[in-house]
Amino acid sequence: MQFDAKVNVTELTGSETFVHLDHHGDTWVGLIHGVHDLKPGTALPVYLDPVHVYIFTEAGDLVAPASYALAA
């Protein structure tokens, strides 16, 4: 699955970067290997691999990995 999103914030954590994205008012957080200093407002194509996607409630509770939904 692919969609476009805009960068809100990047968090450099050494060897990885957390990218906070906005997609039509919804916030997504991605983890990218390596150091990437992306400027706020930068448009990015986002590709989702169900093996690496996890779904949480608004309270932060893990619902399930998306790969479980595909298997069902």
Protein backbone atom coordinates (compact mmCIF):
# COMPACT_ATOMS: atom_id res chain seq x y z
CA MET A 1 0.00 0.00 0.00
CA GLN A 2 1.25 3.50 -0.82
CA PHE A 3 0.10 6.99 0.14
CA ASP A 4 1.61 10.47 0.33
CA ALA A 5 2.17 12.27 3.64
CA LYS A 6 3.90 15.42 4.88
CA VAL A 7 6.67 15.50 7.46
CA ASN A 8 5.77 17.15 10.78
CA VAL A 9 8.91 16.32 12.81
CA THR A 10 11.99 14.12 12.55
CA GLU A 11 13.71 12.64 15.61
CA LEU A 12 17.32 11.62 15.06
CA THR A 13 18.23 8.83 17.48
CA GLY A 14 21.70 7.89 16.33
CA SER A 15 21.49 5.13 13.74
CA GLU A 16 17.72 5.54 13.16
CA THR A 17 15.25 8.34 12.51
CA PHE A 18 11.65 8.55 13.67
CA VAL A 19 9.51 10.50 11.20
CA HIS A 20 6.18 11.96 12.35
CA LEU A 21 3.90 12.36 9.34
CA ASP A 22 0.53 13.96 8.60
CA HIS A 23 -1.86 12.22 6.20
CA HIS A 24 -5.16 14.13 5.89
CA GLY A 25 -5.11 15.05 9.59
CA ASP A 26 -4.04 11.60 10.81
CA THR A 27 -0.63 11.23 12.43
CA TRP A 28 1.66 8.38 11.43
CA VAL A 29 5.07 7.59 12.94
CA GLY A 30 7.67 5.78 10.89
CA LEU A 31 11.11 4.42 11.68
CA ILE A 32 13.83 4.81 9.04
CA HIS A 33 17.25 3.22 9.35
CA GLY A 34 20.00 5.80 9.08
CA VAL A 35 20.13 9.52 9.78
CA HIS A 36 17.60 11.56 7.77
CA ASP A 37 17.09 15.25 8.58
CA LEU A 38 13.80 15.85 6.75
CA LYS A 39 12.36 19.35 6.85
CA PRO A 40 8.78 19.92 8.12
CA GLY A 41 6.33 20.12 5.23
CA THR A 42 8.37 17.81 3.00
CA ALA A 43 6.05 15.52 1.01
CA LEU A 44 7.01 11.85 1.15
CA PRO A 45 5.63 8.74 -0.52
CA VAL A 46 4.94 6.16 2.20
CA TYR A 47 4.95 2.44 1.48
CA LEU A 48 3.45 0.09 4.06
CA ASP A 49 4.66 -3.46 4.50
CA PRO A 50 2.07 -5.35 6.60
CA VAL A 51 4.83 -7.35 8.26
CA HIS A 52 6.17 -4.13 9.82
CA VAL A 53 2.93 -2.24 10.58
CA TYR A 54 1.38 -2.22 14.05
CA ILE A 55 -2.05 -0.82 14.89
CA PHE A 56 -2.69 1.04 18.16
CA THR A 57 -5.76 2.57 19.79
CA GLU A 58 -5.82 6.29 20.65
CA ALA A 59 -4.88 5.30 24.22
CA GLY A 60 -1.71 3.67 22.89
CA ASP A 61 -2.82 0.06 23.34
CA LEU A 62 -1.54 -2.38 20.72
CA VAL A 63 -4.42 -3.87 18.76
CA ALA A 64 -2.42 -6.19 16.51
CA PRO A 65 0.23 -6.31 13.86
CA ALA A 66 -1.41 -5.61 10.49
CA SER A 67 -0.03 -8.91 9.20
CA TYR A 68 -2.52 -10.69 11.52
CA ALA A 69 -5.40 -8.93 9.77
CA LEU A 70 -4.07 -10.07 6.38
CA ALA A 71 -3.80 -13.66 7.59
CA ALA A 72 -7.39 -13.59 8.87
